């Protein structure tokens, strides 16, 4: 029985049965799928989190809003105040919507072979940044936030989802998350991307054709990645 006590766990990590360990070589590289008998979520425990931990969890909320629940996105864009203030009624709705989205995708693809891959939106770069920080720098949600900005910029560079980057940055900022940050050298990022557990002879990214329309692509070249990272401030 899972009793998640962080927002990250309540909306994402406790749902779906993934259990894994980080290794020095990368994130979540050793693990298994073990579905819990039940997941019990109490929003009151979120009042015990410090501000950074709470805001980190909002990155996962933003992920679901952008990829799977445009109604949630509209709610957050219209008035993020109740969520950022940790209003219990607002949180119950937000968490329930995120859980429903993830449960639906996991039911289609429990073991990450197809549909479940879209839940990694923002996480490919995010996991690389966490590893380069030796898991002691950016919080998970802070890294994923930058990963979503990167994914939006990459999508736009391919002619997809015009305006997505600005919309993503506006949403993250409204939720109290940084939409920009210091990035490691491009070569180091590329090296870490090749250690991602989803690497299959090429770096696989989840992009949005538009809000609510995620697609998995595996033909992103190192040059494309480097170009977007440079544009975001990454060093050569």
C-alpha atoms as a PDB file:
ATOM      1  CA  UNK A   1       0.000   0.000   0.000  1.00  0.00           C
ATOM      2  CA  UNK A   2       1.429   3.331  -1.056  1.00  0.00           C
ATOM      3  CA  UNK A   3       0.851   6.449   1.051  1.00  0.00           C
ATOM      4  CA  UNK A   4       2.588   9.205  -0.934  1.00  0.00           C
ATOM      5  CA  UNK A   5       3.561  12.285   1.069  1.00  0.00           C
ATOM      6  CA  UNK A   6       4.917  14.570  -1.670  1.00  0.00           C
ATOM      7  CA  UNK A   7       3.050  16.178  -4.533  1.00  0.00           C
ATOM      8  CA  UNK A   8       5.409  14.489  -7.010  1.00  0.00           C
ATOM      9  CA  UNK A   9       4.468  11.092  -5.600  1.00  0.00           C
ATOM     10  CA  UNK A  10       0.756  11.835  -5.308  1.00  0.00           C
ATOM     11  CA  UNK A  11       0.304  12.896  -8.928  1.00  0.00           C
ATOM     12  CA  UNK A  12       2.897  10.634 -10.523  1.00  0.00           C
ATOM     13  CA  UNK A  13       5.442   8.404  -8.798  1.00  0.00           C
ATOM     14  CA  UNK A  14       3.025   6.401  -6.618  1.00  0.00           C
ATOM     15  CA  UNK A  15       0.795   5.592  -9.585  1.00  0.00           C
ATOM     16  CA  UNK A  16       1.704   2.885 -12.067  1.00  0.00           C
ATOM     17  CA  UNK A  17       3.851   0.354 -10.219  1.00  0.00           C
ATOM     18  CA  UNK A  18       7.348   1.460 -11.190  1.00  0.00           C
ATOM     19  CA  UNK A  19       9.953   0.835  -8.488  1.00  0.00           C
ATOM     20  CA  UNK A  20      13.523   1.758  -9.336  1.00  0.00           C
ATOM     21  CA  UNK A  21      16.907   2.928  -8.092  1.00  0.00           C
ATOM     22  CA  UNK A  22      19.210   5.611  -9.426  1.00  0.00           C
ATOM     23  CA  UNK A  23      22.776   4.596 -10.262  1.00  0.00           C
ATOM     24  CA  UNK A  24      25.779   6.879 -10.774  1.00  0.00           C
ATOM     25  CA  UNK A  25      25.410   6.061 -14.481  1.00  0.00           C
ATOM     26  CA  UNK A  26      21.825   7.291 -14.726  1.00  0.00           C
ATOM     27  CA  UNK A  27      18.315   7.656 -13.400  1.00  0.00           C
ATOM     28  CA  UNK A  28      15.994   4.704 -12.642  1.00  0.00           C
ATOM     29  CA  UNK A  29      18.267   2.146 -14.303  1.00  0.00           C
ATOM     30  CA  UNK A  30      17.506  -0.777 -11.972  1.00  0.00           C
ATOM     31  CA  UNK A  31      13.951  -1.649 -11.035  1.00  0.00           C
ATOM     32  CA  UNK A  32      10.800  -3.612 -11.611  1.00  0.00           C
ATOM     33  CA  UNK A  33       7.057  -3.187 -12.075  1.00  0.00           C
ATOM     34  CA  UNK A  34       5.100  -3.994  -8.910  1.00  0.00           C
ATOM     35  CA  UNK A  35       1.577  -2.650  -8.693  1.00  0.00           C
ATOM     36  CA  UNK A  36       0.459  -1.580  -5.197  1.00  0.00           C
ATOM     37  CA  UNK A  37      -2.709  -2.982  -3.694  1.00  0.00           C
ATOM     38  CA  UNK A  38      -3.885   0.574  -3.069  1.00  0.00           C
ATOM     39  CA  UNK A  39      -2.683   4.174  -3.108  1.00  0.00           C
ATOM     40  CA  UNK A  40      -3.987   6.363  -0.285  1.00  0.00           C
ATOM     41  CA  UNK A  41      -3.625  10.110  -0.907  1.00  0.00           C
ATOM     42  CA  UNK A  42      -4.167  12.726   1.801  1.00  0.00           C
ATOM     43  CA  UNK A  43      -3.727  16.280   0.522  1.00  0.00           C
ATOM     44  CA  UNK A  44      -3.258  17.591   4.080  1.00  0.00           C
ATOM     45  CA  UNK A  45       0.270  16.178   4.197  1.00  0.00           C
ATOM     46  CA  UNK A  46       1.266  18.588   1.438  1.00  0.00           C
ATOM     47  CA  UNK A  47       1.144  21.437   3.962  1.00  0.00           C
ATOM     48  CA  UNK A  48       4.252  19.925   5.580  1.00  0.00           C
ATOM     49  CA  UNK A  49       6.414  20.315   2.452  1.00  0.00           C
ATOM     50  CA  UNK A  50       8.830  23.181   2.093  1.00  0.00           C
ATOM     51  CA  UNK A  51       8.133  25.520  -0.791  1.00  0.00           C
ATOM     52  CA  UNK A  52      10.814  24.109  -3.076  1.00  0.00           C
ATOM     53  CA  UNK A  53       9.603  20.519  -2.727  1.00  0.00           C
ATOM     54  CA  UNK A  54       6.011  21.547  -3.300  1.00  0.00           C
ATOM     55  CA  UNK A  55       6.807  23.606  -6.396  1.00  0.00           C
ATOM     56  CA  UNK A  56       8.872  20.726  -7.731  1.00  0.00           C
ATOM     57  CA  UNK A  57       5.744  18.580  -7.712  1.00  0.00           C
ATOM     58  CA  UNK A  58       3.892  21.208  -9.718  1.00  0.00           C
ATOM     59  CA  UNK A  59       6.178  20.423 -12.660  1.00  0.00           C
ATOM     60  CA  UNK A  60       4.544  17.000 -12.907  1.00  0.00           C
ATOM     61  CA  UNK A  61       1.125  18.650 -12.724  1.00  0.00           C
ATOM     62  CA  UNK A  62       2.162  20.911 -15.611  1.00  0.00           C
ATOM     63  CA  UNK A  63       3.294  17.832 -17.547  1.00  0.00           C
ATOM     64  CA  UNK A  64      -0.147  16.257 -17.338  1.00  0.00           C
ATOM     65  CA  UNK A  65      -1.841  19.528 -18.223  1.00  0.00           C
ATOM     66  CA  UNK A  66       0.272  19.984 -21.347  1.00  0.00           C
ATOM     67  CA  UNK A  67       0.204  16.394 -22.562  1.00  0.00           C
ATOM     68  CA  UNK A  68      -3.073  14.787 -21.532  1.00  0.00           C
ATOM     69  CA  UNK A  69      -5.571  17.162 -19.903  1.00  0.00           C
ATOM     70  CA  UNK A  70      -6.271  20.460 -21.630  1.00  0.00           C
ATOM     71  CA  UNK A  71      -9.066  21.102 -19.117  1.00  0.00           C
ATOM     72  CA  UNK A  72      -6.477  21.053 -16.346  1.00  0.00           C
ATOM     73  CA  UNK A  73      -4.271  23.351 -18.417  1.00  0.00           C
ATOM     74  CA  UNK A  74      -7.132  25.824 -18.804  1.00  0.00           C
ATOM     75  CA  UNK A  75      -7.746  25.730 -15.049  1.00  0.00           C
ATOM     76  CA  UNK A  76      -4.108  26.418 -14.226  1.00  0.00           C
ATOM     77  CA  UNK A  77      -3.751  29.153 -16.815  1.00  0.00           C
ATOM     78  CA  UNK A  78      -6.952  30.871 -15.714  1.00  0.00           C
ATOM     79  CA  UNK A  79      -6.074  31.008 -12.008  1.00  0.00           C
ATOM     80  CA  UNK A  80      -3.091  29.117 -10.581  1.00  0.00           C
ATOM     81  CA  UNK A  81      -3.535  30.817  -7.192  1.00  0.00           C
ATOM     82  CA  UNK A  82      -5.526  28.100  -5.376  1.00  0.00           C
ATOM     83  CA  UNK A  83      -2.963  25.462  -6.406  1.00  0.00           C
ATOM     84  CA  UNK A  84       0.104  27.522  -5.528  1.00  0.00           C
ATOM     85  CA  UNK A  85      -1.529  28.372  -2.164  1.00  0.00           C
ATOM     86  CA  UNK A  86      -2.146  24.634  -1.551  1.00  0.00           C
ATOM     87  CA  UNK A  87      -5.891  25.036  -1.288  1.00  0.00           C
ATOM     88  CA  UNK A  88      -7.170  21.584  -0.323  1.00  0.00           C
ATOM     89  CA  UNK A  89     -10.256  21.627  -2.541  1.00  0.00           C
ATOM     90  CA  UNK A  90      -8.276  22.714  -5.588  1.00  0.00           C
ATOM     91  CA  UNK A  91      -5.590  20.127  -4.882  1.00  0.00           C
ATOM     92  CA  UNK A  92      -8.096  17.298  -4.604  1.00  0.00           C
ATOM     93  CA  UNK A  93      -9.346  18.065  -8.106  1.00  0.00           C
ATOM     94  CA  UNK A  94      -5.889  18.564  -9.592  1.00  0.00           C
ATOM     95  CA  UNK A  95      -4.459  15.393  -8.071  1.00  0.00           C
ATOM     96  CA  UNK A  96      -7.494  13.325  -9.044  1.00  0.00           C
ATOM     97  CA  UNK A  97      -7.199  14.521 -12.645  1.00  0.00           C
ATOM     98  CA  UNK A  98      -3.495  13.695 -12.808  1.00  0.00           C
ATOM     99  CA  UNK A  99      -4.039  10.262 -11.261  1.00  0.00           C
ATOM    100  CA  UNK A 100      -6.845   9.523 -13.726  1.00  0.00           C
ATOM    101  CA  UNK A 101      -4.638  10.521 -16.662  1.00  0.00           C
ATOM    102  CA  UNK A 102      -1.741   8.372 -15.547  1.00  0.00           C
ATOM    103  CA  UNK A 103      -3.905   5.388 -14.615  1.00  0.00           C
ATOM    104  CA  UNK A 104      -5.513   5.453 -18.059  1.00  0.00           C
ATOM    105  CA  UNK A 105      -2.155   5.400 -19.824  1.00  0.00           C
ATOM    106  CA  UNK A 106      -0.699   2.728 -17.519  1.00  0.00           C
ATOM    107  CA  UNK A 107      -3.745   0.529 -18.131  1.00  0.00           C
ATOM    108  CA  UNK A 108      -2.940   0.693 -21.851  1.00  0.00           C
ATOM    109  CA  UNK A 109       0.784   0.030 -21.441  1.00  0.00           C
ATOM    110  CA  UNK A 110       1.931  -1.146 -18.020  1.00  0.00           C
ATOM    111  CA  UNK A 111       5.536  -1.883 -18.971  1.00  0.00           C
ATOM    112  CA  UNK A 112       6.544   1.207 -20.931  1.00  0.00           C
ATOM    113  CA  UNK A 113       6.503  -0.326 -24.408  1.00  0.00           C
ATOM    114  CA  UNK A 114       4.383   2.237 -26.235  1.00  0.00           C
ATOM    115  CA  UNK A 115       1.721   4.623 -24.901  1.00  0.00           C
ATOM    116  CA  UNK A 116       3.301   4.997 -21.467  1.00  0.00           C
ATOM    117  CA  UNK A 117       6.365   6.596 -23.043  1.00  0.00           C
ATOM    118  CA  UNK A 118       4.463   9.865 -23.387  1.00  0.00           C
ATOM    119  CA  UNK A 119       4.567  10.209 -19.594  1.00  0.00           C
ATOM    120  CA  UNK A 120       8.270  10.979 -20.004  1.00  0.00           C
ATOM    121  CA  UNK A 121       7.526  14.422 -21.451  1.00  0.00           C
ATOM    122  CA  UNK A 122      10.299  16.731 -20.242  1.00  0.00           C
ATOM    123  CA  UNK A 123      12.065  13.873 -18.498  1.00  0.00           C
ATOM    124  CA  UNK A 124      14.676  12.909 -21.089  1.00  0.00           C
ATOM    125  CA  UNK A 125      16.636  16.128 -20.647  1.00  0.00           C
ATOM    126  CA  UNK A 126      15.454  16.395 -17.045  1.00  0.00           C
ATOM    127  CA  UNK A 127      17.026  13.070 -16.069  1.00  0.00           C
ATOM    128  CA  UNK A 128      20.282  14.041 -17.801  1.00  0.00           C
ATOM    129  CA  UNK A 129      20.414  17.286 -15.821  1.00  0.00           C
ATOM    130  CA  UNK A 130      19.769  15.401 -12.571  1.00  0.00           C
ATOM    131  CA  UNK A 131      22.575  12.973 -13.299  1.00  0.00           C
ATOM    132  CA  UNK A 132      24.999  15.765 -14.156  1.00  0.00           C
ATOM    133  CA  UNK A 133      24.102  17.337 -10.816  1.00  0.00           C
ATOM    134  CA  UNK A 134      24.834  13.934  -9.195  1.00  0.00           C
ATOM    135  CA  UNK A 135      21.215  14.023  -7.962  1.00  0.00           C
ATOM    136  CA  UNK A 136      22.205  16.725  -5.451  1.00  0.00           C
ATOM    137  CA  UNK A 137      21.552  19.906  -7.431  1.00  0.00           C
ATOM    138  CA  UNK A 138      18.269  20.613  -9.146  1.00  0.00           C
ATOM    139  CA  UNK A 139      15.167  19.047  -7.685  1.00  0.00           C
ATOM    140  CA  UNK A 140      13.419  16.576  -9.977  1.00  0.00           C
ATOM    141  CA  UNK A 141      10.666  19.005 -10.899  1.00  0.00           C
ATOM    142  CA  UNK A 142      13.138  21.818 -11.543  1.00  0.00           C
ATOM    143  CA  UNK A 143      14.994  19.610 -14.014  1.00  0.00           C
ATOM    144  CA  UNK A 144      11.766  18.431 -15.660  1.00  0.00           C
ATOM    145  CA  UNK A 145      10.581  22.029 -16.019  1.00  0.00           C
ATOM    146  CA  UNK A 146      13.682  22.838 -18.070  1.00  0.00           C
ATOM    147  CA  UNK A 147      13.134  19.601 -19.964  1.00  0.00           C
ATOM    148  CA  UNK A 148       9.640  20.706 -20.957  1.00  0.00           C
ATOM    149  CA  UNK A 149      10.917  24.076 -22.149  1.00  0.00           C
ATOM    150  CA  UNK A 150      13.549  22.221 -24.171  1.00  0.00           C
ATOM    151  CA  UNK A 151      10.932  19.871 -25.641  1.00  0.00           C
ATOM    152  CA  UNK A 152       8.730  22.817 -26.584  1.00  0.00           C
ATOM    153  CA  UNK A 153      11.651  24.588 -28.261  1.00  0.00           C
ATOM    154  CA  UNK A 154      12.624  21.396 -30.095  1.00  0.00           C
ATOM    155  CA  UNK A 155       9.053  20.894 -31.295  1.00  0.00           C
ATOM    156  CA  UNK A 156       8.890  24.453 -32.598  1.00  0.00           C
ATOM    157  CA  UNK A 157      12.230  24.012 -34.385  1.00  0.00           C
ATOM    158  CA  UNK A 158      10.569  21.121 -36.252  1.00  0.00           C
ATOM    159  CA  UNK A 159       7.558  23.198 -37.235  1.00  0.00           C
ATOM    160  CA  UNK A 160       5.253  21.766 -34.557  1.00  0.00           C
ATOM    161  CA  UNK A 161       3.105  23.531 -31.952  1.00  0.00           C
ATOM    162  CA  UNK A 162       3.785  27.218 -32.701  1.00  0.00           C
ATOM    163  CA  UNK A 163       3.795  29.292 -29.528  1.00  0.00           C
ATOM    164  CA  UNK A 164       4.241  26.254 -27.287  1.00  0.00           C
ATOM    165  CA  UNK A 165       7.486  27.420 -25.714  1.00  0.00           C
ATOM    166  CA  UNK A 166       6.057  30.778 -24.639  1.00  0.00           C
ATOM    167  CA  UNK A 167       2.932  29.073 -23.293  1.00  0.00           C
ATOM    168  CA  UNK A 168       5.032  26.532 -21.407  1.00  0.00           C
ATOM    169  CA  UNK A 169       7.285  29.185 -19.898  1.00  0.00           C
ATOM    170  CA  UNK A 170       4.267  31.260 -18.861  1.00  0.00           C
ATOM    171  CA  UNK A 171       2.649  28.247 -17.163  1.00  0.00           C
ATOM    172  CA  UNK A 172       5.802  27.226 -15.316  1.00  0.00           C
ATOM    173  CA  UNK A 173       6.440  30.771 -14.142  1.00  0.00           C
ATOM    174  CA  UNK A 174       2.859  31.055 -12.859  1.00  0.00           C
ATOM    175  CA  UNK A 175       3.417  27.857 -10.875  1.00  0.00           C
ATOM    176  CA  UNK A 176       6.609  29.247  -9.345  1.00  0.00           C
ATOM    177  CA  UNK A 177       9.034  27.195 -11.416  1.00  0.00           C
ATOM    178  CA  UNK A 178      12.046  28.588 -13.261  1.00  0.00           C
ATOM    179  CA  UNK A 179      11.675  28.368 -17.034  1.00  0.00           C
ATOM    180  CA  UNK A 180      15.357  29.147 -17.558  1.00  0.00           C
ATOM    181  CA  UNK A 181      18.509  28.005 -15.807  1.00  0.00           C
ATOM    182  CA  UNK A 182      22.202  27.303 -16.126  1.00  0.00           C
ATOM    183  CA  UNK A 183      22.813  24.365 -18.423  1.00  0.00           C
ATOM    184  CA  UNK A 184      25.889  22.099 -18.546  1.00  0.00           C
ATOM    185  CA  UNK A 185      28.066  21.962 -21.663  1.00  0.00           C
ATOM    186  CA  UNK A 186      26.269  20.420 -24.613  1.00  0.00           C
ATOM    187  CA  UNK A 187      28.766  17.551 -24.927  1.00  0.00           C
ATOM    188  CA  UNK A 188      28.137  16.473 -21.338  1.00  0.00           C
ATOM    189  CA  UNK A 189      24.375  16.575 -21.845  1.00  0.00           C
ATOM    190  CA  UNK A 190      24.611  14.454 -24.993  1.00  0.00           C
ATOM    191  CA  UNK A 191      26.771  11.896 -23.201  1.00  0.00           C
ATOM    192  CA  UNK A 192      24.170  11.592 -20.437  1.00  0.00           C
ATOM    193  CA  UNK A 193      21.295  11.350 -22.890  1.00  0.00           C
ATOM    194  CA  UNK A 194      22.904   8.235 -24.344  1.00  0.00           C
ATOM    195  CA  UNK A 195      22.685   6.632 -20.886  1.00  0.00           C
ATOM    196  CA  UNK A 196      18.944   7.181 -20.662  1.00  0.00           C
ATOM    197  CA  UNK A 197      17.066   3.913 -20.110  1.00  0.00           C
ATOM    198  CA  UNK A 198      14.956   4.668 -23.193  1.00  0.00           C
ATOM    199  CA  UNK A 199      17.982   5.044 -25.504  1.00  0.00           C
ATOM    200  CA  UNK A 200      17.654   2.639 -28.428  1.00  0.00           C
ATOM    201  CA  UNK A 201      20.402   3.539 -30.853  1.00  0.00           C
ATOM    202  CA  UNK A 202      19.252   7.149 -30.710  1.00  0.00           C
ATOM    203  CA  UNK A 203      17.881   9.633 -28.206  1.00  0.00           C
ATOM    204  CA  UNK A 204      14.121   9.318 -27.887  1.00  0.00           C
ATOM    205  CA  UNK A 205      12.095  12.412 -27.021  1.00  0.00           C
ATOM    206  CA  UNK A 206       8.442  13.047 -26.328  1.00  0.00           C
ATOM    207  CA  UNK A 207       7.291  16.147 -28.204  1.00  0.00           C
ATOM    208  CA  UNK A 208       3.928  17.842 -28.583  1.00  0.00           C
ATOM    209  CA  UNK A 209       2.392  18.317 -31.994  1.00  0.00           C
ATOM    210  CA  UNK A 210       0.123  20.663 -30.046  1.00  0.00           C
ATOM    211  CA  UNK A 211      -1.188  20.853 -26.495  1.00  0.00           C
ATOM    212  CA  UNK A 212      -2.713  17.468 -25.661  1.00  0.00           C
ATOM    213  CA  UNK A 213      -1.132  15.754 -28.681  1.00  0.00           C
ATOM    214  CA  UNK A 214       2.079  14.035 -27.537  1.00  0.00           C
ATOM    215  CA  UNK A 215       4.192  12.027 -29.940  1.00  0.00           C
ATOM    216  CA  UNK A 216       7.317   9.919 -29.384  1.00  0.00           C
ATOM    217  CA  UNK A 217      10.174  10.652 -31.801  1.00  0.00           C
ATOM    218  CA  UNK A 218      13.465   8.808 -32.059  1.00  0.00           C
ATOM    219  CA  UNK A 219      15.102  10.566 -34.983  1.00  0.00           C
ATOM    220  CA  UNK A 220      16.421  13.616 -33.115  1.00  0.00           C
ATOM    221  CA  UNK A 221      20.034  14.215 -34.094  1.00  0.00           C
ATOM    222  CA  UNK A 222      22.824  15.368 -31.807  1.00  0.00           C
ATOM    223  CA  UNK A 223      22.984  18.514 -33.925  1.00  0.00           C
ATOM    224  CA  UNK A 224      19.312  19.298 -33.234  1.00  0.00           C
ATOM    225  CA  UNK A 225      19.766  18.739 -29.522  1.00  0.00           C
ATOM    226  CA  UNK A 226      22.898  20.866 -29.465  1.00  0.00           C
ATOM    227  CA  UNK A 227      21.254  23.688 -31.403  1.00  0.00           C
ATOM    228  CA  UNK A 228      18.317  23.931 -28.988  1.00  0.00           C
ATOM    229  CA  UNK A 229      20.592  23.665 -25.951  1.00  0.00           C
ATOM    230  CA  UNK A 230      22.799  26.452 -27.336  1.00  0.00           C
ATOM    231  CA  UNK A 231      19.727  28.590 -27.873  1.00  0.00           C
ATOM    232  CA  UNK A 232      18.708  27.947 -24.252  1.00  0.00           C
ATOM    233  CA  UNK A 233      22.135  28.995 -23.001  1.00  0.00           C
ATOM    234  CA  UNK A 234      24.113  25.765 -22.957  1.00  0.00           C
ATOM    235  CA  UNK A 235      27.870  26.059 -23.480  1.00  0.00           C
ATOM    236  CA  UNK A 236      29.659  24.410 -26.389  1.00  0.00           C
END
